[in-house]
C-alpha atoms as a PDB file:
ATOM      1  CA  MET A   1       0.000   0.000   0.000  1.00  0.00           C
ATOM      2  CA  CYS A   2       1.550   3.278  -1.066  1.00  0.00           C
ATOM      3  CA  LEU A   3      -0.901   6.046  -0.253  1.00  0.00           C
ATOM      4  CA  ILE A   4      -3.259   6.319   2.718  1.00  0.00           C
ATOM      5  CA  ALA A   5      -5.171   9.176   4.303  1.00  0.00           C
ATOM      6  CA  PHE A   6      -7.437   8.696   7.297  1.00  0.00           C
ATOM      7  CA  ALA A   7      -9.455  10.597   9.881  1.00  0.00           C
ATOM      8  CA  ILE A   8      -9.714   9.251  13.424  1.00  0.00           C
ATOM      9  CA  GLY A   9     -11.693  10.424  16.440  1.00  0.00           C
ATOM     10  CA  LEU A  10     -13.107  13.636  14.965  1.00  0.00           C
ATOM     11  CA  ASP A  11     -16.748  12.528  15.109  1.00  0.00           C
ATOM     12  CA  ALA A  12     -18.144  10.379  17.913  1.00  0.00           C
ATOM     13  CA  ASP A  13     -20.494   8.718  15.422  1.00  0.00           C
ATOM     14  CA  ARG A  14     -17.800   8.191  12.784  1.00  0.00           C
ATOM     15  CA  PRO A  15     -14.513   7.151  14.408  1.00  0.00           C
ATOM     16  CA  LEU A  16     -12.722   6.209  11.171  1.00  0.00           C
ATOM     17  CA  LEU A  17     -12.799   7.299   7.537  1.00  0.00           C
ATOM     18  CA  LEU A  18     -10.008   5.972   5.347  1.00  0.00           C
ATOM     19  CA  ALA A  19      -8.964   6.088   1.691  1.00  0.00           C
ATOM     20  CA  ALA A  20      -6.013   4.131   0.307  1.00  0.00           C
ATOM     21  CA  ASN A  21      -4.259   3.050  -2.879  1.00  0.00           C
ATOM     22  CA  ARG A  22      -2.093  -0.045  -3.065  1.00  0.00           C
ATOM     23  CA  ASP A  23       0.757   0.167  -5.573  1.00  0.00           C
ATOM     24  CA  GLU A  24       2.482  -3.100  -6.440  1.00  0.00           C
ATOM     25  CA  TYR A  25       3.942  -5.174  -9.242  1.00  0.00           C
ATOM     26  CA  PHE A  26       1.157  -6.644 -11.335  1.00  0.00           C
ATOM     27  CA  ASP A  27       2.602 -10.149 -11.246  1.00  0.00           C
ATOM     28  CA  ARG A  28       2.586 -10.393  -7.436  1.00  0.00           C
ATOM     29  CA  PRO A  29      -0.181 -12.882  -6.564  1.00  0.00           C
ATOM     30  CA  THR A  30      -2.925 -11.221  -4.558  1.00  0.00           C
ATOM     31  CA  GLU A  31      -6.422 -11.902  -3.277  1.00  0.00           C
ATOM     32  CA  PRO A  32      -8.765  -8.892  -3.162  1.00  0.00           C
ATOM     33  CA  LEU A  33     -10.648  -7.680  -0.114  1.00  0.00           C
ATOM     34  CA  HIS A  34     -12.534 -10.566   1.516  1.00  0.00           C
ATOM     35  CA  ARG A  35     -13.205 -12.298   4.822  1.00  0.00           C
ATOM     36  CA  TRP A  36     -10.560 -14.774   5.925  1.00  0.00           C
ATOM     37  CA  ALA A  37      -8.965 -16.082   9.110  1.00  0.00           C
ATOM     38  CA  LEU A  38      -5.461 -15.556  10.455  1.00  0.00           C
ATOM     39  CA  PRO A  39      -3.486 -18.628  11.587  1.00  0.00           C
ATOM     40  CA  ASP A  40      -4.737 -18.155  15.168  1.00  0.00           C
ATOM     41  CA  GLY A  41      -8.343 -18.100  13.935  1.00  0.00           C
ATOM     42  CA  THR A  42      -8.931 -14.336  14.146  1.00  0.00           C
ATOM     43  CA  PRO A  43     -11.472 -13.336  11.455  1.00  0.00           C
ATOM     44  CA  VAL A  44     -10.385 -10.344   9.366  1.00  0.00           C
ATOM     45  CA  ILE A  45     -11.567  -8.379   6.353  1.00  0.00           C
ATOM     46  CA  ALA A  46      -8.543  -7.593   4.211  1.00  0.00           C
ATOM     47  CA  GLY A  47      -6.759  -8.192   0.963  1.00  0.00           C
ATOM     48  CA  ARG A  48      -4.137 -10.923   1.063  1.00  0.00           C
ATOM     49  CA  ASP A  49      -0.633 -11.242  -0.299  1.00  0.00           C
ATOM     50  CA  LEU A  50      -0.487 -14.792  -1.637  1.00  0.00           C
ATOM     51  CA  ARG A  51       3.307 -14.779  -1.895  1.00  0.00           C
ATOM     52  CA  ASP A  52       4.096 -14.105   1.771  1.00  0.00           C
ATOM     53  CA  GLY A  53       0.692 -14.469   3.412  1.00  0.00           C
ATOM     54  CA  GLY A  54       0.255 -11.067   5.054  1.00  0.00           C
ATOM     55  CA  THR A  55      -1.792  -7.980   4.233  1.00  0.00           C
ATOM     56  CA  TRP A  56      -1.266  -4.272   3.601  1.00  0.00           C
ATOM     57  CA  LEU A  57      -4.554  -3.092   5.126  1.00  0.00           C
ATOM     58  CA  GLY A  58      -7.182  -4.877   7.149  1.00  0.00           C
ATOM     59  CA  VAL A  59      -9.858  -4.711   9.829  1.00  0.00           C
ATOM     60  CA  SER A  60     -10.715  -7.397  12.350  1.00  0.00           C
ATOM     61  CA  GLU A  61     -14.262  -8.053  13.443  1.00  0.00           C
ATOM     62  CA  ALA A  62     -13.087  -7.222  16.970  1.00  0.00           C
ATOM     63  CA  GLY A  63     -12.407  -3.650  15.820  1.00  0.00           C
ATOM     64  CA  ARG A  64      -8.660  -3.716  15.160  1.00  0.00           C
ATOM     65  CA  VAL A  65      -7.279  -1.770  12.170  1.00  0.00           C
ATOM     66  CA  ALA A  66      -3.855  -2.070  10.517  1.00  0.00           C
ATOM     67  CA  MET A  67      -2.385  -0.131   7.569  1.00  0.00           C
ATOM     68  CA  LEU A  68       1.056  -0.656   6.037  1.00  0.00           C
ATOM     69  CA  THR A  69       3.254   1.166   3.521  1.00  0.00           C
ATOM     70  CA  ASN A  70       6.866   0.712   2.436  1.00  0.00           C
ATOM     71  CA  VAL A  71       9.574   3.371   2.629  1.00  0.00           C
ATOM     72  CA  ARG A  72      11.115   4.287  -0.720  1.00  0.00           C
ATOM     73  CA  SER A  73      14.869   4.213  -1.195  1.00  0.00           C
ATOM     74  CA  ALA A  74      17.443   3.611  -3.911  1.00  0.00           C
ATOM     75  CA  ASN A  75      18.223   0.194  -2.395  1.00  0.00           C
ATOM     76  CA  PRO A  76      14.893  -0.948  -0.962  1.00  0.00           C
ATOM     77  CA  GLY A  77      15.696  -4.512   0.131  1.00  0.00           C
ATOM     78  CA  SER A  78      12.917  -6.755   1.366  1.00  0.00           C
ATOM     79  CA  GLY A  79      14.425  -7.698   4.725  1.00  0.00           C
ATOM     80  CA  ARG A  80      14.584 -11.096   6.364  1.00  0.00           C
ATOM     81  CA  ARG A  81      10.875 -11.096   7.176  1.00  0.00           C
ATOM     82  CA  SER A  82       7.765  -9.947   5.327  1.00  0.00           C
ATOM     83  CA  ARG A  83       6.385  -6.559   6.323  1.00  0.00           C
ATOM     84  CA  GLY A  84       2.857  -7.866   5.793  1.00  0.00           C
ATOM     85  CA  GLU A  85       3.135 -10.001   8.923  1.00  0.00           C
ATOM     86  CA  LEU A  86       3.298  -6.817  11.013  1.00  0.00           C
ATOM     87  CA  ALA A  87      -0.243  -5.898  10.014  1.00  0.00           C
ATOM     88  CA  THR A  88      -1.635  -9.373  10.681  1.00  0.00           C
ATOM     89  CA  ARG A  89       0.193  -9.516  14.021  1.00  0.00           C
ATOM     90  CA  TRP A  90      -1.715  -6.457  15.227  1.00  0.00           C
ATOM     91  CA  LEU A  91      -5.037  -7.720  13.900  1.00  0.00           C
ATOM     92  CA  GLN A  92      -4.770 -10.661  16.286  1.00  0.00           C
ATOM     93  CA  SER A  93      -6.818  -9.598  19.313  1.00  0.00           C
ATOM     94  CA  SER A  94      -4.321 -11.108  21.740  1.00  0.00           C
ATOM     95  CA  THR A  95      -1.547  -8.683  20.733  1.00  0.00           C
ATOM     96  CA  SER A  96      -1.176  -5.615  22.960  1.00  0.00           C
ATOM     97  CA  TRP A  97       0.391  -2.320  21.879  1.00  0.00           C
ATOM     98  CA  GLU A  98       3.338  -2.961  24.198  1.00  0.00           C
ATOM     99  CA  GLY A  99       3.629  -6.522  22.973  1.00  0.00           C
ATOM    100  CA  LEU A 100       3.661  -5.410  19.353  1.00  0.00           C
ATOM    101  CA  LEU A 101       6.484  -2.948  19.985  1.00  0.00           C
ATOM    102  CA  ALA A 102       8.502  -5.541  21.898  1.00  0.00           C
ATOM    103  CA  SER A 103       8.088  -8.106  19.115  1.00  0.00           C
ATOM    104  CA  ILE A 104       9.555  -5.952  16.305  1.00  0.00           C
ATOM    105  CA  ASP A 105      13.241  -6.083  15.433  1.00  0.00           C
ATOM    106  CA  PRO A 106      13.592  -3.118  13.033  1.00  0.00           C
ATOM    107  CA  ALA A 107      16.509  -4.766  11.231  1.00  0.00           C
ATOM    108  CA  ASP A 108      14.330  -7.711  10.203  1.00  0.00           C
ATOM    109  CA  TYR A 109      12.265  -5.676   7.754  1.00  0.00           C
ATOM    110  CA  GLY A 110      12.620  -3.396   4.793  1.00  0.00           C
ATOM    111  CA  GLY A 111      11.560   0.179   5.467  1.00  0.00           C
ATOM    112  CA  PHE A 112       7.952   0.363   6.659  1.00  0.00           C
ATOM    113  CA  ASN A 113       5.216   2.527   8.158  1.00  0.00           C
ATOM    114  CA  LEU A 114       2.613   0.691  10.223  1.00  0.00           C
ATOM    115  CA  VAL A 115      -0.476   2.482  11.533  1.00  0.00           C
ATOM    116  CA  VAL A 116      -2.518   0.519  14.051  1.00  0.00           C
ATOM    117  CA  GLY A 117      -5.791   1.238  15.787  1.00  0.00           C
ATOM    118  CA  ASP A 118      -8.305  -0.298  18.141  1.00  0.00           C
ATOM    119  CA  LEU A 119     -11.831   1.073  17.835  1.00  0.00           C
ATOM    120  CA  GLY A 120     -12.792  -0.457  21.177  1.00  0.00           C
ATOM    121  CA  THR A 121     -10.064   1.175  23.253  1.00  0.00           C
ATOM    122  CA  ASN A 122      -9.515   4.194  20.952  1.00  0.00           C
ATOM    123  CA  VAL A 123      -5.778   3.484  20.775  1.00  0.00           C
ATOM    124  CA  TRP A 124      -4.104   4.713  17.572  1.00  0.00           C
ATOM    125  CA  ALA A 125      -0.396   4.713  16.839  1.00  0.00           C
ATOM    126  CA  TRP A 126       2.269   4.832  14.149  1.00  0.00           C
ATOM    127  CA  ILE A 127       5.374   2.611  14.100  1.00  0.00           C
ATOM    128  CA  GLY A 128       8.230   2.786  11.615  1.00  0.00           C
ATOM    129  CA  ASN A 129      11.774   1.513  11.242  1.00  0.00           C
ATOM    130  CA  ARG A 130      13.231   4.566   9.516  1.00  0.00           C
ATOM    131  CA  SER A 131      13.928   7.982  11.043  1.00  0.00           C
ATOM    132  CA  PRO A 132      11.193  10.567  10.397  1.00  0.00           C
ATOM    133  CA  ASP A 133      13.973  13.077   9.723  1.00  0.00           C
ATOM    134  CA  HIS A 134      15.786  10.994   7.088  1.00  0.00           C
ATOM    135  CA  PRO A 135      13.544   8.047   6.143  1.00  0.00           C
ATOM    136  CA  HIS A 136      15.276   7.347   2.821  1.00  0.00           C
ATOM    137  CA  ARG A 137      18.823   7.203   4.198  1.00  0.00           C
ATOM    138  CA  ASP A 138      18.942   6.243   7.863  1.00  0.00           C
ATOM    139  CA  LEU A 139      19.681   2.743   9.161  1.00  0.00           C
ATOM    140  CA  PRO A 140      16.873   0.686  10.729  1.00  0.00           C
ATOM    141  CA  ALA A 141      15.739   1.787  14.170  1.00  0.00           C
ATOM    142  CA  LEU A 142      12.308   1.620  15.771  1.00  0.00           C
ATOM    143  CA  HIS A 143      10.275   4.830  16.014  1.00  0.00           C
ATOM    144  CA  GLN A 144       6.747   5.145  17.345  1.00  0.00           C
ATOM    145  CA  ARG A 145       4.112   7.770  18.063  1.00  0.00           C
ATOM    146  CA  ARG A 146       0.660   7.665  19.604  1.00  0.00           C
ATOM    147  CA  LEU A 147      -1.944   9.471  17.494  1.00  0.00           C
ATOM    148  CA  ALA A 148      -4.458  12.033  18.747  1.00  0.00           C
ATOM    149  CA  PRO A 149      -7.754  12.670  16.936  1.00  0.00           C
ATOM    150  CA  GLY A 150      -7.087  14.228  13.548  1.00  0.00           C
ATOM    151  CA  ILE A 151      -6.473  13.686   9.838  1.00  0.00           C
ATOM    152  CA  TYR A 152      -3.259  11.905   8.849  1.00  0.00           C
ATOM    153  CA  GLY A 153      -1.569  10.753   5.679  1.00  0.00           C
ATOM    154  CA  VAL A 154       1.266   8.417   4.777  1.00  0.00           C
ATOM    155  CA  SER A 155       2.880   7.339   1.541  1.00  0.00           C
ATOM    156  CA  ASN A 156       6.429   6.042   1.145  1.00  0.00           C
ATOM    157  CA  ALA A 157       8.321   8.381   3.477  1.00  0.00           C
ATOM    158  CA  THR A 158       6.993   8.685   7.033  1.00  0.00           C
ATOM    159  CA  LEU A 159       3.744   9.683   8.706  1.00  0.00           C
ATOM    160  CA  ASP A 160       2.499  13.087   7.484  1.00  0.00           C
ATOM    161  CA  THR A 161       5.461  13.764   5.198  1.00  0.00           C
ATOM    162  CA  PRO A 162       3.939  16.556   3.037  1.00  0.00           C
ATOM    163  CA  TRP A 163       4.248  14.950  -0.379  1.00  0.00           C
ATOM    164  CA  PRO A 164       1.826  16.582  -2.862  1.00  0.00           C
ATOM    165  CA  LYS A 165      -0.259  13.454  -3.370  1.00  0.00           C
ATOM    166  CA  THR A 166      -0.523  12.861   0.376  1.00  0.00           C
ATOM    167  CA  LEU A 167      -1.708  16.411   0.978  1.00  0.00           C
ATOM    168  CA  ARG A 168      -4.281  16.101  -1.803  1.00  0.00           C
ATOM    169  CA  LEU A 169      -5.747  12.919  -0.355  1.00  0.00           C
ATOM    170  CA  LYS A 170      -5.855  14.404   3.158  1.00  0.00           C
ATOM    171  CA  GLU A 171      -7.814  17.336   1.724  1.00  0.00           C
ATOM    172  CA  ALA A 172     -10.244  14.879   0.135  1.00  0.00           C
ATOM    173  CA  ILE A 173     -10.734  13.138   3.487  1.00  0.00           C
ATOM    174  CA  ALA A 174     -11.450  16.489   5.157  1.00  0.00           C
ATOM    175  CA  SER A 175     -14.027  17.285   2.474  1.00  0.00           C
ATOM    176  CA  ALA A 176     -15.622  13.839   2.725  1.00  0.00           C
ATOM    177  CA  LEU A 177     -16.185  14.308   6.467  1.00  0.00           C
ATOM    178  CA  GLN A 178     -18.660  17.095   5.745  1.00  0.00           C
ATOM    179  CA  PRO A 179     -22.359  16.125   5.591  1.00  0.00           C
ATOM    180  CA  GLN A 180     -23.002  15.022   2.034  1.00  0.00           C
ATOM    181  CA  ASP A 181     -24.275  12.047   0.049  1.00  0.00           C
ATOM    182  CA  ASN A 182     -21.254  11.470  -2.171  1.00  0.00           C
ATOM    183  CA  ALA A 183     -18.347  11.057   0.271  1.00  0.00           C
ATOM    184  CA  THR A 184     -17.250   7.763  -1.266  1.00  0.00           C
ATOM    185  CA  ASP A 185     -17.458   9.196  -4.783  1.00  0.00           C
ATOM    186  CA  ARG A 186     -15.244  12.120  -3.744  1.00  0.00           C
ATOM    187  CA  LEU A 187     -12.648   9.805  -2.266  1.00  0.00           C
ATOM    188  CA  ILE A 188     -12.603   7.466  -5.243  1.00  0.00           C
ATOM    189  CA  GLN A 189     -12.152  10.460  -7.546  1.00  0.00           C
ATOM    190  CA  ALA A 190      -9.179  11.549  -5.432  1.00  0.00           C
ATOM    191  CA  LEU A 191      -7.665   8.052  -5.445  1.00  0.00           C
ATOM    192  CA  ALA A 192      -8.054   7.812  -9.237  1.00  0.00           C
ATOM    193  CA  ASP A 193      -6.245  11.115  -9.842  1.00  0.00           C
ATOM    194  CA  PRO A 194      -3.364  10.564 -12.324  1.00  0.00           C
ATOM    195  CA  GLN A 195      -2.080  14.163 -12.158  1.00  0.00           C
ATOM    196  CA  ARG A 196       1.629  14.432 -11.392  1.00  0.00           C
ATOM    197  CA  PRO A 197       3.049  17.515  -9.658  1.00  0.00           C
ATOM    198  CA  THR A 198       5.823  19.630 -11.115  1.00  0.00           C
ATOM    199  CA  PRO A 199       9.320  18.114 -10.943  1.00  0.00           C
ATOM    200  CA  GLN A 200      10.406  20.978  -8.660  1.00  0.00           C
ATOM    201  CA  SER A 201       7.993  19.783  -5.948  1.00  0.00           C
ATOM    202  CA  LEU A 202       9.181  16.181  -5.889  1.00  0.00           C
ATOM    203  CA  PRO A 203      11.107  14.647  -2.983  1.00  0.00           C
ATOM    204  CA  ASP A 204      14.572  13.135  -3.337  1.00  0.00           C
ATOM    205  CA  THR A 205      14.240   9.532  -2.202  1.00  0.00           C
ATOM    206  CA  GLY A 206      17.228   8.180  -4.096  1.00  0.00           C
ATOM    207  CA  VAL A 207      15.403   6.753  -7.117  1.00  0.00           C
ATOM    208  CA  PRO A 208      15.941   8.208 -10.626  1.00  0.00           C
ATOM    209  CA  PRO A 209      14.015  11.459 -11.277  1.00  0.00           C
ATOM    210  CA  GLU A 210      11.838   9.907 -13.992  1.00  0.00           C
ATOM    211  CA  ILE A 211      10.750   7.162 -11.590  1.00  0.00           C
ATOM    212  CA  GLU A 212      10.156   9.705  -8.825  1.00  0.00           C
ATOM    213  CA  HIS A 213       7.902  11.652 -11.190  1.00  0.00           C
ATOM    214  CA  ALA A 214       5.989   8.551 -12.306  1.00  0.00           C
ATOM    215  CA  LEU A 215       5.303   7.649  -8.669  1.00  0.00           C
ATOM    216  CA  SER A 216       4.201  11.149  -7.665  1.00  0.00           C
ATOM    217  CA  SER A 217       0.516  10.964  -8.635  1.00  0.00           C
ATOM    218  CA  PRO A 218      -2.149   9.480  -6.340  1.00  0.00           C
ATOM    219  CA  PHE A 219      -2.959   6.903  -9.039  1.00  0.00           C
ATOM    220  CA  VAL A 220       0.271   5.368 -10.348  1.00  0.00           C
ATOM    221  CA  ASP A 221       0.388   4.091 -13.933  1.00  0.00           C
ATOM    222  CA  MET A 222       3.690   2.412 -14.823  1.00  0.00           C
ATOM    223  CA  ALA A 223       2.266  -0.469 -16.818  1.00  0.00           C
ATOM    224  CA  GLU A 224       5.303  -0.448 -19.086  1.00  0.00           C
ATOM    225  CA  ARG A 225       7.307  -1.530 -16.011  1.00  0.00           C
ATOM    226  CA  GLY A 226       4.659  -3.964 -14.806  1.00  0.00           C
ATOM    227  CA  TYR A 227       3.874  -1.747 -11.813  1.00  0.00           C
ATOM    228  CA  GLY A 228       1.138   0.599 -10.656  1.00  0.00           C
ATOM    229  CA  THR A 229      -1.938   1.066  -8.528  1.00  0.00           C
ATOM    230  CA  ARG A 230      -3.485  -2.372  -8.116  1.00  0.00           C
ATOM    231  CA  SER A 231      -6.460  -1.472  -5.926  1.00  0.00           C
ATOM    232  CA  SER A 232      -8.233   1.422  -4.213  1.00  0.00           C
ATOM    233  CA  LEU A 233     -10.142   1.158  -0.941  1.00  0.00           C
ATOM    234  CA  VAL A 234     -12.489   3.293   1.139  1.00  0.00           C
ATOM    235  CA  ALA A 235     -13.367   2.295   4.714  1.00  0.00           C
ATOM    236  CA  ASP A 236     -16.094   4.064   6.683  1.00  0.00           C
ATOM    237  CA  VAL A 237     -16.901   3.176  10.312  1.00  0.00           C
ATOM    238  CA  ARG A 238     -20.094   4.590  11.795  1.00  0.00           C
ATOM    239  CA  ARG A 239     -22.386   4.185  14.774  1.00  0.00           C
ATOM    240  CA  SER A 240     -25.595   2.329  13.958  1.00  0.00           C
ATOM    241  CA  ALA A 241     -28.641   1.360  15.981  1.00  0.00           C
ATOM    242  CA  ARG A 242     -27.013  -2.027  16.646  1.00  0.00           C
ATOM    243  CA  GLY A 243     -23.547  -0.715  17.519  1.00  0.00           C
ATOM    244  CA  TRP A 244     -20.544   0.059  15.327  1.00  0.00           C
ATOM    245  CA  SER A 245     -20.627  -0.943  11.684  1.00  0.00           C
ATOM    246  CA  ALA A 246     -17.884  -0.794   9.062  1.00  0.00           C
ATOM    247  CA  THR A 247     -18.281  -0.591   5.287  1.00  0.00           C
ATOM    248  CA  LEU A 248     -15.235  -1.408   3.167  1.00  0.00           C
ATOM    249  CA  SER A 249     -15.365  -0.832  -0.584  1.00  0.00           C
ATOM    250  CA  GLU A 250     -12.559  -1.869  -2.914  1.00  0.00           C
ATOM    251  CA  TRP A 251     -11.909  -1.288  -6.614  1.00  0.00           C
ATOM    252  CA  THR A 252      -9.280  -3.203  -8.558  1.00  0.00           C
ATOM    253  CA  HIS A 253      -7.624  -1.889 -11.697  1.00  0.00           C
ATOM    254  CA  ALA A 254      -6.704  -3.463 -15.008  1.00  0.00           C
ATOM    255  CA  PRO A 255      -3.100  -2.686 -16.083  1.00  0.00           C
ATOM    256  CA  GLU A 256      -3.550  -1.503 -19.658  1.00  0.00           C
ATOM    257  CA  HIS A 257      -0.932   1.094 -20.481  1.00  0.00           C
ATOM    258  CA  GLY A 258      -2.217   3.928 -22.646  1.00  0.00           C
ATOM    259  CA  LYS A 259      -5.881   2.933 -22.289  1.00  0.00           C
ATOM    260  CA  PRO A 260      -8.585   4.104 -19.893  1.00  0.00           C
ATOM    261  CA  HIS A 261      -8.449   2.114 -16.683  1.00  0.00           C
ATOM    262  CA  ARG A 262     -11.227  -0.384 -16.182  1.00  0.00           C
ATOM    263  CA  TRP A 263     -12.661  -0.120 -12.686  1.00  0.00           C
ATOM    264  CA  ARG A 264     -13.701  -3.441 -11.220  1.00  0.00           C
ATOM    265  CA  PRO A 265     -15.839  -2.675  -8.180  1.00  0.00           C
ATOM    266  CA  GLN A 266     -16.536  -5.342  -5.611  1.00  0.00           C
ATOM    267  CA  THR A 267     -19.703  -5.505  -3.548  1.00  0.00           C
ATOM    268  CA  PRO A 268     -19.017  -3.428  -0.413  1.00  0.00           C
ATOM    269  CA  LEU A 269     -18.504  -5.482   2.732  1.00  0.00           C
ATOM    270  CA  THR A 270     -20.493  -4.211   5.720  1.00  0.00           C
ATOM    271  CA  PHE A 271     -20.195  -5.841   9.137  1.00  0.00           C
ATOM    272  CA  ARG A 272     -20.653  -5.105  12.830  1.00  0.00           C
ATOM    273  CA  LEU A 273     -17.630  -4.561  15.051  1.00  0.00           C
ATOM    274  CA  GLY A 274     -16.955  -5.729  18.549  1.00  0.00           C
END
């Protein structure tokens, strides 16, 4: 997952609104958003990486939330262990915040950002293994931050690094929080935005400038390299008469370079939490 913006705790009746794009190589085997069980039996709603078994974004029926992005660098390296296991580790209800921190050796993984939340206890936090000051250069070390109510964004640097596409998606989240009937449509439009900023506004992450520019739009289209936005997701958690309910909607994309993208919507998954 390479671009996420989310609002937490700003509305007592809507504790989470999230929009995210997952960018990945097209040949990496993947299952779309669906219900499945972790090895310990915990039921989750998430996509699934069929190569390594983890996920990049998921919600448990107990009300746990996990979101994962990589950190970009000239020499990315995958690490000894899969980053996707960090998300599934948190989604297991038996894992505490302190236990999660204690279980992570930052040198085991390629650069990552992990945002975790618990809708039952209202605990939200960010964990990463690269310095927020120099995420594309520093050696692995564990960094963490508890999150207050607000709107946040993360791509492939660190939490709230002001990349143009991250700022644009955060603005879309802020707009979608206002009373209106088309919040999901607004967010999908923002996630599908192929506009790239000017080269002068791009970060220096160590990759070639032409690659940096190609990756700078919210929707990434690098089909000629077998890479791009694979799926887009909107998650909306609200209070209902029967308790908390979550609606997750995902769209997958067909990699056809030079042609209009075919949107493949799935039936939204709605379920009660807790």
